[in-house]
Amino acid sequence: MQEKIIKNKNPIKVHLEKDKDYYWCACGLSKDGTFCDGSHKTTNLVPMKFSVQEDKSYFLCGCKKTNKKPFCDGSHSKS
């Protein structure tokens, strides 16, 4: 299995719109490490499609260790 690249060990605060599709970068190779830009095509990893129920700010996982993908669950502080 391809190793994930960690660009940010902390959560990333983003404003998301309800009912819009987003693609969370699972490989860490995207330019910002948060949203997919297609860089995973050189790996066996794929982005995670998700949407939210409310327009508001969310914390997305930057360390890629969360058990609540794509949202931060505090795993970055447990390593």
PDB file of N, CA and C in Angstrom:
ATOM      1  N   MET A   1       0.842  -1.193   0.000  1.00  0.00           N
ATOM      2  CA  MET A   1       0.000   0.000   0.000  1.00  0.00           C
ATOM      3  C   MET A   1       0.879   1.245   0.000  1.00  0.00           C
ATOM      4  N   GLN A   2       0.469   2.245  -0.743  1.00  0.00           N
ATOM      5  CA  GLN A   2       1.178   3.510  -0.856  1.00  0.00           C
ATOM      6  C   GLN A   2       1.159   4.251   0.475  1.00  0.00           C
ATOM      7  N   GLU A   3       2.290   4.821   0.851  1.00  0.00           N
ATOM      8  CA  GLU A   3       2.393   5.616   2.078  1.00  0.00           C
ATOM      9  C   GLU A   3       1.781   6.998   1.831  1.00  0.00           C
ATOM     10  N   LYS A   4       0.994   7.476   2.780  1.00  0.00           N
ATOM     11  CA  LYS A   4       0.379   8.799   2.669  1.00  0.00           C
ATOM     12  C   LYS A   4       1.410   9.870   3.011  1.00  0.00           C
ATOM     13  N   ILE A   5       1.365  10.986   2.309  1.00  0.00           N
ATOM     14  CA  ILE A   5       2.232  12.125   2.562  1.00  0.00           C
ATOM     15  C   ILE A   5       1.496  13.062   3.519  1.00  0.00           C
ATOM     16  N   ILE A   6       2.147  13.448   4.604  1.00  0.00           N
ATOM     17  CA  ILE A   6       1.533  14.346   5.585  1.00  0.00           C
ATOM     18  C   ILE A   6       2.080  15.753   5.366  1.00  0.00           C
ATOM     19  N   LYS A   7       1.245  16.662   4.863  1.00  0.00           N
ATOM     20  CA  LYS A   7       1.670  18.041   4.636  1.00  0.00           C
ATOM     21  C   LYS A   7       1.341  18.933   5.824  1.00  0.00           C
ATOM     22  N   ASN A   8       0.380  18.509   6.623  1.00  0.00           N
ATOM     23  CA  ASN A   8      -0.050  19.332   7.748  1.00  0.00           C
ATOM     24  C   ASN A   8      -0.449  18.411   8.885  1.00  0.00           C
ATOM     25  N   LYS A   9       0.217  18.512  10.017  1.00  0.00           N
ATOM     26  CA  LYS A   9      -0.102  17.644  11.154  1.00  0.00           C
ATOM     27  C   LYS A   9      -1.298  18.144  11.954  1.00  0.00           C
ATOM     28  N   ASN A  10      -1.746  19.343  11.648  1.00  0.00           N
ATOM     29  CA  ASN A  10      -2.866  19.943  12.378  1.00  0.00           C
ATOM     30  C   ASN A  10      -4.127  19.948  11.522  1.00  0.00           C
ATOM     31  N   PRO A  11      -5.295  20.124  12.148  1.00  0.00           N
ATOM     32  CA  PRO A  11      -6.537  20.220  11.378  1.00  0.00           C
ATOM     33  C   PRO A  11      -6.558  21.492  10.532  1.00  0.00           C
ATOM     34  N   ILE A  12      -7.288  21.441   9.439  1.00  0.00           N
ATOM     35  CA  ILE A  12      -7.411  22.574   8.531  1.00  0.00           C
ATOM     36  C   ILE A  12      -8.846  23.078   8.591  1.00  0.00           C
ATOM     37  N   LYS A  13      -9.008  24.340   8.987  1.00  0.00           N
ATOM     38  CA  LYS A  13     -10.345  24.928   9.076  1.00  0.00           C
ATOM     39  C   LYS A  13     -10.770  25.413   7.692  1.00  0.00           C
ATOM     40  N   VAL A  14     -11.927  24.928   7.243  1.00  0.00           N
ATOM     41  CA  VAL A  14     -12.462  25.312   5.934  1.00  0.00           C
ATOM     42  C   VAL A  14     -13.956  25.584   6.051  1.00  0.00           C
ATOM     43  N   HIS A  15     -14.447  26.501   5.235  1.00  0.00           N
ATOM     44  CA  HIS A  15     -15.890  26.753   5.179  1.00  0.00           C
ATOM     45  C   HIS A  15     -16.452  25.903   4.049  1.00  0.00           C
ATOM     46  N   LEU A  16     -17.431  25.069   4.366  1.00  0.00           N
ATOM     47  CA  LEU A  16     -18.037  24.180   3.380  1.00  0.00           C
ATOM     48  C   LEU A  16     -19.514  24.508   3.211  1.00  0.00           C
ATOM     49  N   GLU A  17     -20.008  24.281   2.007  1.00  0.00           N
ATOM     50  CA  GLU A  17     -21.407  24.543   1.683  1.00  0.00           C
ATOM     51  C   GLU A  17     -22.202  23.248   1.665  1.00  0.00           C
ATOM     52  N   LYS A  18     -23.407  23.304   2.190  1.00  0.00           N
ATOM     53  CA  LYS A  18     -24.241  22.097   2.257  1.00  0.00           C
ATOM     54  C   LYS A  18     -24.596  21.591   0.862  1.00  0.00           C
ATOM     55  N   ASP A  19     -24.713  20.266   0.784  1.00  0.00           N
ATOM     56  CA  ASP A  19     -25.120  19.560  -0.432  1.00  0.00           C
ATOM     57  C   ASP A  19     -24.169  19.714  -1.620  1.00  0.00           C
ATOM     58  N   LYS A  20     -22.979  20.236  -1.398  1.00  0.00           N
ATOM     59  CA  LYS A  20     -21.969  20.330  -2.448  1.00  0.00           C
ATOM     60  C   LYS A  20     -21.008  19.155  -2.269  1.00  0.00           C
ATOM     61  N   ASP A  21     -20.579  18.544  -3.358  1.00  0.00           N
ATOM     62  CA  ASP A  21     -19.627  17.438  -3.271  1.00  0.00           C
ATOM     63  C   ASP A  21     -18.203  17.967  -3.152  1.00  0.00           C
ATOM     64  N   TYR A  22     -17.462  17.397  -2.219  1.00  0.00           N
ATOM     65  CA  TYR A  22     -16.052  17.706  -2.014  1.00  0.00           C
ATOM     66  C   TYR A  22     -15.266  16.411  -2.097  1.00  0.00           C
ATOM     67  N   TYR A  23     -13.989  16.533  -2.420  1.00  0.00           N
ATOM     68  CA  TYR A  23     -13.107  15.365  -2.497  1.00  0.00           C
ATOM     69  C   TYR A  23     -11.891  15.625  -1.619  1.00  0.00           C
ATOM     70  N   TRP A  24     -11.843  14.910  -0.481  1.00  0.00           N
ATOM     71  CA  TRP A  24     -10.759  15.049   0.495  1.00  0.00           C
ATOM     72  C   TRP A  24      -9.544  14.277   0.000  1.00  0.00           C
ATOM     73  N   CYS A  25      -8.401  14.918   0.002  1.00  0.00           N
ATOM     74  CA  CYS A  25      -7.159  14.286  -0.435  1.00  0.00           C
ATOM     75  C   CYS A  25      -6.738  13.230   0.582  1.00  0.00           C
ATOM     76  N   ALA A  26      -6.679  11.976   0.147  1.00  0.00           N
ATOM     77  CA  ALA A  26      -6.281  10.876   1.027  1.00  0.00           C
ATOM     78  C   ALA A  26      -4.796  10.550   0.907  1.00  0.00           C
ATOM     79  N   CYS A  27      -4.156  10.998  -0.183  1.00  0.00           N
ATOM     80  CA  CYS A  27      -2.754  10.645  -0.412  1.00  0.00           C
ATOM     81  C   CYS A  27      -1.781  11.680   0.131  1.00  0.00           C
ATOM     82  N   GLY A  28      -2.227  12.939   0.248  1.00  0.00           N
ATOM     83  CA  GLY A  28      -1.355  14.006   0.721  1.00  0.00           C
ATOM     84  C   GLY A  28      -0.511  14.638  -0.370  1.00  0.00           C
ATOM     85  N   LEU A  29      -0.679  14.202  -1.602  1.00  0.00           N
ATOM     86  CA  LEU A  29       0.127  14.729  -2.702  1.00  0.00           C
ATOM     87  C   LEU A  29      -0.457  15.978  -3.351  1.00  0.00           C
ATOM     88  N   SER A  30      -1.710  16.313  -3.056  1.00  0.00           N
ATOM     89  CA  SER A  30      -2.315  17.500  -3.671  1.00  0.00           C
ATOM     90  C   SER A  30      -1.569  18.751  -3.218  1.00  0.00           C
ATOM     91  N   LYS A  31      -1.709  19.815  -3.979  1.00  0.00           N
ATOM     92  CA  LYS A  31      -0.973  21.053  -3.700  1.00  0.00           C
ATOM     93  C   LYS A  31      -1.182  21.538  -2.269  1.00  0.00           C
ATOM     94  N   ASP A  32      -2.435  21.519  -1.795  1.00  0.00           N
ATOM     95  CA  ASP A  32      -2.705  21.990  -0.431  1.00  0.00           C
ATOM     96  C   ASP A  32      -2.822  20.858   0.583  1.00  0.00           C
ATOM     97  N   GLY A  33      -2.833  19.606   0.118  1.00  0.00           N
ATOM     98  CA  GLY A  33      -2.922  18.463   1.028  1.00  0.00           C
ATOM     99  C   GLY A  33      -4.306  18.249   1.619  1.00  0.00           C
ATOM    100  N   THR A  34      -5.263  19.094   1.243  1.00  0.00           N
ATOM    101  CA  THR A  34      -6.610  19.018   1.814  1.00  0.00           C
ATOM    102  C   THR A  34      -7.632  18.507   0.807  1.00  0.00           C
ATOM    103  N   PHE A  35      -7.728  19.176  -0.331  1.00  0.00           N
ATOM    104  CA  PHE A  35      -8.680  18.785  -1.364  1.00  0.00           C
ATOM    105  C   PHE A  35      -7.943  18.173  -2.552  1.00  0.00           C
ATOM    106  N   CYS A  36      -8.555  17.167  -3.143  1.00  0.00           N
ATOM    107  CA  CYS A  36      -7.948  16.437  -4.253  1.00  0.00           C
ATOM    108  C   CYS A  36      -7.739  17.350  -5.466  1.00  0.00           C
ATOM    109  N   ASP A  37      -6.557  17.216  -6.083  1.00  0.00           N
ATOM    110  CA  ASP A  37      -6.288  17.899  -7.352  1.00  0.00           C
ATOM    111  C   ASP A  37      -5.835  16.910  -8.431  1.00  0.00           C
ATOM    112  N   GLY A  38      -6.041  15.613  -8.159  1.00  0.00           N
ATOM    113  CA  GLY A  38      -5.692  14.584  -9.132  1.00  0.00           C
ATOM    114  C   GLY A  38      -4.293  14.016  -8.986  1.00  0.00           C
ATOM    115  N   SER A  39      -3.519  14.516  -8.039  1.00  0.00           N
ATOM    116  CA  SER A  39      -2.139  14.050  -7.862  1.00  0.00           C
ATOM    117  C   SER A  39      -2.046  12.584  -7.458  1.00  0.00           C
ATOM    118  N   HIS A  40      -3.126  12.020  -6.942  1.00  0.00           N
ATOM    119  CA  HIS A  40      -3.131  10.618  -6.501  1.00  0.00           C
ATOM    120  C   HIS A  40      -3.006   9.629  -7.655  1.00  0.00           C
ATOM    121  N   LYS A  41      -3.144  10.091  -8.864  1.00  0.00           N
ATOM    122  CA  LYS A  41      -3.149   9.178 -10.012  1.00  0.00           C
ATOM    123  C   LYS A  41      -1.853   8.388 -10.149  1.00  0.00           C
ATOM    124  N   THR A  42      -0.791   8.816  -9.479  1.00  0.00           N
ATOM    125  CA  THR A  42       0.474   8.072  -9.501  1.00  0.00           C
ATOM    126  C   THR A  42       0.548   7.074  -8.345  1.00  0.00           C
ATOM    127  N   THR A  43      -0.542   6.936  -7.587  1.00  0.00           N
ATOM    128  CA  THR A  43      -0.577   6.046  -6.421  1.00  0.00           C
ATOM    129  C   THR A  43      -1.764   5.087  -6.534  1.00  0.00           C
ATOM    130  N   ASN A  44      -1.910   4.238  -5.528  1.00  0.00           N
ATOM    131  CA  ASN A  44      -3.092   3.369  -5.469  1.00  0.00           C
ATOM    132  C   ASN A  44      -4.129   3.924  -4.498  1.00  0.00           C
ATOM    133  N   LEU A  45      -3.946   5.167  -4.046  1.00  0.00           N
ATOM    134  CA  LEU A  45      -4.885   5.819  -3.130  1.00  0.00           C
ATOM    135  C   LEU A  45      -5.907   6.622  -3.927  1.00  0.00           C
ATOM    136  N   VAL A  46      -7.090   6.782  -3.364  1.00  0.00           N
ATOM    137  CA  VAL A  46      -8.148   7.554  -4.025  1.00  0.00           C
ATOM    138  C   VAL A  46      -8.720   8.579  -3.044  1.00  0.00           C
ATOM    139  N   PRO A  47      -9.230   9.711  -3.558  1.00  0.00           N
ATOM    140  CA  PRO A  47      -9.828  10.710  -2.678  1.00  0.00           C
ATOM    141  C   PRO A  47     -11.153  10.216  -2.110  1.00  0.00           C
ATOM    142  N   MET A  48     -11.574  10.857  -1.036  1.00  0.00           N
ATOM    143  CA  MET A  48     -12.847  10.511  -0.413  1.00  0.00           C
ATOM    144  C   MET A  48     -13.877  11.583  -0.755  1.00  0.00           C
ATOM    145  N   LYS A  49     -14.949  11.176  -1.417  1.00  0.00           N
ATOM    146  CA  LYS A  49     -16.041  12.096  -1.739  1.00  0.00           C
ATOM    147  C   LYS A  49     -16.908  12.272  -0.496  1.00  0.00           C
ATOM    148  N   PHE A  50     -17.256  13.538  -0.194  1.00  0.00           N
ATOM    149  CA  PHE A  50     -18.127  13.805   0.946  1.00  0.00           C
ATOM    150  C   PHE A  50     -18.909  15.087   0.727  1.00  0.00           C
ATOM    151  N   SER A  51     -19.950  15.262   1.524  1.00  0.00           N
ATOM    152  CA  SER A  51     -20.729  16.498   1.543  1.00  0.00           C
ATOM    153  C   SER A  51     -21.140  16.752   2.986  1.00  0.00           C
ATOM    154  N   VAL A  52     -21.628  17.946   3.251  1.00  0.00           N
ATOM    155  CA  VAL A  52     -22.037  18.308   4.609  1.00  0.00           C
ATOM    156  C   VAL A  52     -23.498  18.744   4.606  1.00  0.00           C
ATOM    157  N   GLN A  53     -24.104  18.743   5.769  1.00  0.00           N
ATOM    158  CA  GLN A  53     -25.521  19.067   5.908  1.00  0.00           C
ATOM    159  C   GLN A  53     -25.785  20.543   6.203  1.00  0.00           C
ATOM    160  N   GLU A  54     -24.717  21.293   6.575  1.00  0.00           N
ATOM    161  CA  GLU A  54     -24.875  22.712   6.919  1.00  0.00           C
ATOM    162  C   GLU A  54     -23.767  23.535   6.294  1.00  0.00           C
ATOM    163  N   ASP A  55     -24.082  24.776   5.903  1.00  0.00           N
ATOM    164  CA  ASP A  55     -23.061  25.743   5.512  1.00  0.00           C
ATOM    165  C   ASP A  55     -22.404  26.219   6.797  1.00  0.00           C
ATOM    166  N   LYS A  56     -21.143  25.896   6.996  1.00  0.00           N
ATOM    167  CA  LYS A  56     -20.412  26.363   8.173  1.00  0.00           C
ATOM    168  C   LYS A  56     -18.951  25.963   8.051  1.00  0.00           C
ATOM    169  N   SER A  57     -18.159  26.347   9.039  1.00  0.00           N
ATOM    170  CA  SER A  57     -16.748  25.975   9.075  1.00  0.00           C
ATOM    171  C   SER A  57     -16.586  24.607   9.713  1.00  0.00           C
ATOM    172  N   TYR A  58     -15.684  23.827   9.146  1.00  0.00           N
ATOM    173  CA  TYR A  58     -15.375  22.481   9.627  1.00  0.00           C
ATOM    174  C   TYR A  58     -13.863  22.352   9.735  1.00  0.00           C
ATOM    175  N   PHE A  59     -13.416  21.409  10.552  1.00  0.00           N
ATOM    176  CA  PHE A  59     -11.999  21.104  10.648  1.00  0.00           C
ATOM    177  C   PHE A  59     -11.746  19.776   9.948  1.00  0.00           C
ATOM    178  N   LEU A  60     -11.006  19.831   8.842  1.00  0.00           N
ATOM    179  CA  LEU A  60     -10.647  18.622   8.112  1.00  0.00           C
ATOM    180  C   LEU A  60      -9.312  18.103   8.631  1.00  0.00           C
ATOM    181  N   CYS A  61      -9.143  16.808   8.574  1.00  0.00           N
ATOM    182  CA  CYS A  61      -7.923  16.173   9.053  1.00  0.00           C
ATOM    183  C   CYS A  61      -6.746  16.518   8.143  1.00  0.00           C
ATOM    184  N   GLY A  62      -5.651  16.931   8.748  1.00  0.00           N
ATOM    185  CA  GLY A  62      -4.425  17.197   7.997  1.00  0.00           C
ATOM    186  C   GLY A  62      -3.413  16.085   8.141  1.00  0.00           C
ATOM    187  N   CYS A  63      -3.496  15.325   9.236  1.00  0.00           N
ATOM    188  CA  CYS A  63      -2.501  14.275   9.512  1.00  0.00           C
ATOM    189  C   CYS A  63      -2.834  12.947   8.847  1.00  0.00           C
ATOM    190  N   LYS A  64      -4.041  12.810   8.333  1.00  0.00           N
ATOM    191  CA  LYS A  64      -4.522  11.601   7.641  1.00  0.00           C
ATOM    192  C   LYS A  64      -4.669  10.391   8.569  1.00  0.00           C
ATOM    193  N   LYS A  65      -4.686  10.618   9.899  1.00  0.00           N
ATOM    194  CA  LYS A  65      -4.810   9.516  10.863  1.00  0.00           C
ATOM    195  C   LYS A  65      -6.200   9.423  11.492  1.00  0.00           C
ATOM    196  N   THR A  66      -7.091  10.312  11.129  1.00  0.00           N
ATOM    197  CA  THR A  66      -8.421  10.360  11.736  1.00  0.00           C
ATOM    198  C   THR A  66      -9.224   9.079  11.511  1.00  0.00           C
ATOM    199  N   ASN A  67     -10.079   8.775  12.451  1.00  0.00           N
ATOM    200  CA  ASN A  67     -11.028   7.671  12.303  1.00  0.00           C
ATOM    201  C   ASN A  67     -12.396   8.190  11.868  1.00  0.00           C
ATOM    202  N   LYS A  68     -12.498   9.518  11.641  1.00  0.00           N
ATOM    203  CA  LYS A  68     -13.758  10.152  11.226  1.00  0.00           C
ATOM    204  C   LYS A  68     -13.560  10.889   9.901  1.00  0.00           C
ATOM    205  N   LYS A  69     -12.898  10.230   8.954  1.00  0.00           N
ATOM    206  CA  LYS A  69     -12.563  10.853   7.669  1.00  0.00           C
ATOM    207  C   LYS A  69     -13.769  11.521   7.045  1.00  0.00           C
ATOM    208  N   PRO A  70     -13.619  12.723   6.563  1.00  0.00           N
ATOM    209  CA  PRO A  70     -12.418  13.525   6.428  1.00  0.00           C
ATOM    210  C   PRO A  70     -12.194  14.497   7.583  1.00  0.00           C
ATOM    211  N   PHE A  71     -12.994  14.380   8.625  1.00  0.00           N
ATOM    212  CA  PHE A  71     -12.967  15.364   9.705  1.00  0.00           C
ATOM    213  C   PHE A  71     -11.945  15.017  10.782  1.00  0.00           C
ATOM    214  N   CYS A  72     -11.392  16.037  11.388  1.00  0.00           N
ATOM    215  CA  CYS A  72     -10.412  15.849  12.459  1.00  0.00           C
ATOM    216  C   CYS A  72     -11.078  15.221  13.678  1.00  0.00           C
ATOM    217  N   ASP A  73     -10.409  14.239  14.270  1.00  0.00           N
ATOM    218  CA  ASP A  73     -10.894  13.635  15.519  1.00  0.00           C
ATOM    219  C   ASP A  73      -9.864  13.762  16.645  1.00  0.00           C
ATOM    220  N   GLY A  74      -8.833  14.577  16.420  1.00  0.00           N
ATOM    221  CA  GLY A  74      -7.808  14.786  17.440  1.00  0.00           C
ATOM    222  C   GLY A  74      -6.666  13.786  17.390  1.00  0.00           C
ATOM    223  N   SER A  75      -6.656  12.898  16.414  1.00  0.00           N
ATOM    224  CA  SER A  75      -5.599  11.883  16.311  1.00  0.00           C
ATOM    225  C   SER A  75      -4.208  12.496  16.198  1.00  0.00           C
ATOM    226  N   HIS A  76      -4.105  13.710  15.632  1.00  0.00           N
ATOM    227  CA  HIS A  76      -2.803  14.357  15.475  1.00  0.00           C
ATOM    228  C   HIS A  76      -2.127  14.625  16.818  1.00  0.00           C
ATOM    229  N   SER A  77      -2.917  14.761  17.868  1.00  0.00           N
ATOM    230  CA  SER A  77      -2.349  15.052  19.192  1.00  0.00           C
ATOM    231  C   SER A  77      -2.073  13.789  19.999  1.00  0.00           C
ATOM    232  N   LYS A  78      -2.367  12.625  19.425  1.00  0.00           N
ATOM    233  CA  LYS A  78      -2.180  11.362  20.138  1.00  0.00           C
ATOM    234  C   LYS A  78      -0.931  10.611  19.693  1.00  0.00           C
ATOM    235  N   SER A  79      -0.149  11.202  18.791  1.00  0.00           N
ATOM    236  CA  SER A  79       1.023  10.474  18.295  1.00  0.00           C
ATOM    237  C   SER A  79       2.301  10.845  18.999  1.00  0.00           C
TER     238      SER A  79
END
